[in-house]
Amino acid sequence: MKNLLPAIFIFTILITSCSKKDTPGFVAEQDVKIQYDTTAIDSFSTGAVTVDIARKIRMSSPQYLDSVKKVQKALEEEKKLKAELEKENKIKAEEEKKKADAEKKSKASESSPATNVKTE
């Protein structure tokens, strides 16, 4: 019996110290993804390029430059069309004003002879 109590004590210490413990904070830390500023998997490899340099390389590519030119041409065409529409609208507005002035003058000239009746 004297040997049984220390044996149980040692056995419980071994079970508690060797048991697998789950820490709730450790799993959450593994899910966090770290974003690096390099495009290569290994930033110390020979082909590693920073994001800024990769952007400059993409911007200097012929496809990118062609797409930029297409967008600029489309914007210029839109501006030209808008300018033409504005000119046409101004011309139509001026013509309508001229017609309205002509109608006012004709109405005024028709009404003025009636008031200027001469008596002999």
C-alpha atoms as a PDB file:
ATOM      1  CA  MET A   1       0.000   0.000   0.000  1.00  0.00           C
ATOM      2  CA  LYS A   2       2.882   2.325   0.675  1.00  0.00           C
ATOM      3  CA  ASN A   3       4.117   1.856  -2.879  1.00  0.00           C
ATOM      4  CA  LEU A   4       0.645   2.261  -4.400  1.00  0.00           C
ATOM      5  CA  LEU A   5       0.140   5.954  -3.509  1.00  0.00           C
ATOM      6  CA  PRO A   6       3.425   7.193  -5.003  1.00  0.00           C
ATOM      7  CA  ALA A   7       2.809   5.032  -8.088  1.00  0.00           C
ATOM      8  CA  ILE A   8      -0.660   6.575  -8.615  1.00  0.00           C
ATOM      9  CA  PHE A   9       0.789  10.043  -8.072  1.00  0.00           C
ATOM     10  CA  ILE A  10       3.543   9.501 -10.664  1.00  0.00           C
ATOM     11  CA  PHE A  11       1.081   7.905 -13.073  1.00  0.00           C
ATOM     12  CA  THR A  12      -1.298  10.914 -12.908  1.00  0.00           C
ATOM     13  CA  ILE A  13       1.594  13.336 -13.431  1.00  0.00           C
ATOM     14  CA  LEU A  14       2.723  11.398 -16.511  1.00  0.00           C
ATOM     15  CA  ILE A  15      -0.793  11.298 -17.956  1.00  0.00           C
ATOM     16  CA  THR A  16      -1.412  15.026 -17.461  1.00  0.00           C
ATOM     17  CA  SER A  17       1.997  16.110 -18.761  1.00  0.00           C
ATOM     18  CA  CYS A  18       1.976  13.836 -21.807  1.00  0.00           C
ATOM     19  CA  SER A  19      -1.610  14.531 -22.851  1.00  0.00           C
ATOM     20  CA  LYS A  20      -2.265  16.446 -26.062  1.00  0.00           C
ATOM     21  CA  LYS A  21      -3.382  19.979 -25.316  1.00  0.00           C
ATOM     22  CA  ASP A  22      -5.389  22.118 -27.774  1.00  0.00           C
ATOM     23  CA  THR A  23      -4.855  25.837 -27.673  1.00  0.00           C
ATOM     24  CA  PRO A  24      -7.697  27.805 -29.267  1.00  0.00           C
ATOM     25  CA  GLY A  25      -5.520  30.790 -30.188  1.00  0.00           C
ATOM     26  CA  PHE A  26      -2.945  28.755 -32.099  1.00  0.00           C
ATOM     27  CA  VAL A  27      -5.380  27.561 -34.791  1.00  0.00           C
ATOM     28  CA  ALA A  28      -6.639  31.103 -35.425  1.00  0.00           C
ATOM     29  CA  GLU A  29      -3.088  32.352 -35.914  1.00  0.00           C
ATOM     30  CA  GLN A  30      -2.394  29.773 -38.622  1.00  0.00           C
ATOM     31  CA  ASP A  31      -5.379  30.949 -40.713  1.00  0.00           C
ATOM     32  CA  VAL A  32      -3.948  34.449 -41.125  1.00  0.00           C
ATOM     33  CA  LYS A  33      -2.428  34.863 -44.587  1.00  0.00           C
ATOM     34  CA  ILE A  34       0.541  37.148 -44.862  1.00  0.00           C
ATOM     35  CA  GLN A  35       0.811  39.153 -48.074  1.00  0.00           C
ATOM     36  CA  TYR A  36       4.282  39.883 -49.298  1.00  0.00           C
ATOM     37  CA  ASP A  37       5.333  42.577 -51.737  1.00  0.00           C
ATOM     38  CA  THR A  38       7.072  40.139 -54.092  1.00  0.00           C
ATOM     39  CA  THR A  39       5.640  38.202 -56.996  1.00  0.00           C
ATOM     40  CA  ALA A  40       7.940  35.182 -56.649  1.00  0.00           C
ATOM     41  CA  ILE A  41       7.307  32.489 -54.073  1.00  0.00           C
ATOM     42  CA  ASP A  42      10.723  32.966 -52.517  1.00  0.00           C
ATOM     43  CA  SER A  43      11.720  36.601 -52.163  1.00  0.00           C
ATOM     44  CA  PHE A  44      15.388  35.645 -52.095  1.00  0.00           C
ATOM     45  CA  SER A  45      15.292  33.666 -55.328  1.00  0.00           C
ATOM     46  CA  THR A  46      16.948  34.950 -58.487  1.00  0.00           C
ATOM     47  CA  GLY A  47      13.635  35.792 -60.209  1.00  0.00           C
ATOM     48  CA  ALA A  48      12.055  37.685 -57.323  1.00  0.00           C
ATOM     49  CA  VAL A  49      10.692  41.083 -58.355  1.00  0.00           C
ATOM     50  CA  THR A  50       8.930  43.652 -56.206  1.00  0.00           C
ATOM     51  CA  VAL A  51       5.353  44.573 -57.017  1.00  0.00           C
ATOM     52  CA  ASP A  52       6.331  48.089 -58.123  1.00  0.00           C
ATOM     53  CA  ILE A  53       8.890  46.824 -60.613  1.00  0.00           C
ATOM     54  CA  ALA A  54       6.467  44.177 -61.914  1.00  0.00           C
ATOM     55  CA  ARG A  55       3.874  46.923 -62.442  1.00  0.00           C
ATOM     56  CA  LYS A  56       6.382  49.019 -64.379  1.00  0.00           C
ATOM     57  CA  ILE A  57       7.251  46.017 -66.544  1.00  0.00           C
ATOM     58  CA  ARG A  58       3.567  45.359 -67.279  1.00  0.00           C
ATOM     59  CA  MET A  59       2.971  49.033 -68.076  1.00  0.00           C
ATOM     60  CA  SER A  60       5.850  49.084 -70.547  1.00  0.00           C
ATOM     61  CA  SER A  61       4.610  46.014 -72.413  1.00  0.00           C
ATOM     62  CA  PRO A  62       3.291  46.591 -75.971  1.00  0.00           C
ATOM     63  CA  GLN A  63      -0.140  45.146 -75.170  1.00  0.00           C
ATOM     64  CA  TYR A  64      -0.640  47.583 -72.314  1.00  0.00           C
ATOM     65  CA  LEU A  65       0.539  50.534 -74.400  1.00  0.00           C
ATOM     66  CA  ASP A  66      -1.805  49.524 -77.234  1.00  0.00           C
ATOM     67  CA  SER A  67      -4.745  49.285 -74.854  1.00  0.00           C
ATOM     68  CA  VAL A  68      -3.939  52.729 -73.462  1.00  0.00           C
ATOM     69  CA  LYS A  69      -3.852  54.158 -76.994  1.00  0.00           C
ATOM     70  CA  LYS A  70      -7.223  52.563 -77.798  1.00  0.00           C
ATOM     71  CA  VAL A  71      -8.763  54.084 -74.690  1.00  0.00           C
ATOM     72  CA  GLN A  72      -7.346  57.508 -75.561  1.00  0.00           C
ATOM     73  CA  LYS A  73      -8.717  57.271 -79.118  1.00  0.00           C
ATOM     74  CA  ALA A  74     -12.133  56.288 -77.790  1.00  0.00           C
ATOM     75  CA  LEU A  75     -12.131  59.257 -75.405  1.00  0.00           C
ATOM     76  CA  GLU A  76     -11.116  61.632 -78.208  1.00  0.00           C
ATOM     77  CA  GLU A  77     -13.900  60.308 -80.447  1.00  0.00           C
ATOM     78  CA  GLU A  78     -16.428  60.793 -77.655  1.00  0.00           C
ATOM     79  CA  LYS A  79     -15.231  64.380 -77.163  1.00  0.00           C
ATOM     80  CA  LYS A  80     -15.509  65.057 -80.908  1.00  0.00           C
ATOM     81  CA  LEU A  81     -19.038  63.633 -81.022  1.00  0.00           C
ATOM     82  CA  LYS A  82     -20.071  65.707 -78.019  1.00  0.00           C
ATOM     83  CA  ALA A  83     -18.610  68.844 -79.618  1.00  0.00           C
ATOM     84  CA  GLU A  84     -20.456  68.153 -82.881  1.00  0.00           C
ATOM     85  CA  LEU A  85     -23.722  67.600 -81.039  1.00  0.00           C
ATOM     86  CA  GLU A  86     -23.262  70.846 -79.136  1.00  0.00           C
ATOM     87  CA  LYS A  87     -22.603  72.724 -82.385  1.00  0.00           C
ATOM     88  CA  GLU A  88     -25.698  71.222 -83.989  1.00  0.00           C
ATOM     89  CA  ASN A  89     -27.791  72.094 -80.951  1.00  0.00           C
ATOM     90  CA  LYS A  90     -26.497  75.679 -81.005  1.00  0.00           C
ATOM     91  CA  ILE A  91     -27.287  75.992 -84.716  1.00  0.00           C
ATOM     92  CA  LYS A  92     -30.806  74.637 -84.181  1.00  0.00           C
ATOM     93  CA  ALA A  93     -31.343  76.989 -81.246  1.00  0.00           C
ATOM     94  CA  GLU A  94     -30.193  79.962 -83.325  1.00  0.00           C
ATOM     95  CA  GLU A  95     -32.508  78.963 -86.184  1.00  0.00           C
ATOM     96  CA  GLU A  96     -35.428  78.657 -83.776  1.00  0.00           C
ATOM     97  CA  LYS A  97     -34.628  82.093 -82.340  1.00  0.00           C
ATOM     98  CA  LYS A  98     -34.502  83.565 -85.841  1.00  0.00           C
ATOM     99  CA  LYS A  99     -37.858  81.999 -86.686  1.00  0.00           C
ATOM    100  CA  ALA A 100     -39.370  83.259 -83.453  1.00  0.00           C
ATOM    101  CA  ASP A 101     -38.025  86.782 -84.119  1.00  0.00           C
ATOM    102  CA  ALA A 102     -39.334  86.684 -87.679  1.00  0.00           C
ATOM    103  CA  GLU A 103     -42.774  85.616 -86.430  1.00  0.00           C
ATOM    104  CA  LYS A 104     -42.780  88.391 -83.843  1.00  0.00           C
ATOM    105  CA  LYS A 105     -41.823  90.939 -86.475  1.00  0.00           C
ATOM    106  CA  SER A 106     -44.477  89.713 -88.869  1.00  0.00           C
ATOM    107  CA  LYS A 107     -47.124  89.838 -86.141  1.00  0.00           C
ATOM    108  CA  ALA A 108     -45.963  93.299 -85.135  1.00  0.00           C
ATOM    109  CA  SER A 109     -46.070  94.521 -88.731  1.00  0.00           C
ATOM    110  CA  GLU A 110     -49.559  93.075 -89.204  1.00  0.00           C
ATOM    111  CA  SER A 111     -50.884  94.752 -86.072  1.00  0.00           C
ATOM    112  CA  SER A 112     -49.233  98.141 -86.721  1.00  0.00           C
ATOM    113  CA  PRO A 113     -51.022  99.001 -90.014  1.00  0.00           C
ATOM    114  CA  ALA A 114     -54.372  98.443 -88.345  1.00  0.00           C
ATOM    115  CA  THR A 115     -53.593 101.053 -85.730  1.00  0.00           C
ATOM    116  CA  ASN A 116     -52.266 103.550 -88.271  1.00  0.00           C
ATOM    117  CA  VAL A 117     -55.521 104.138 -90.149  1.00  0.00           C
ATOM    118  CA  LYS A 118     -55.446 107.462 -91.987  1.00  0.00           C
ATOM    119  CA  THR A 119     -58.465 109.658 -92.060  1.00  0.00           C
ATOM    120  CA  GLU A 120     -59.073 111.806 -95.089  1.00  0.00           C
END
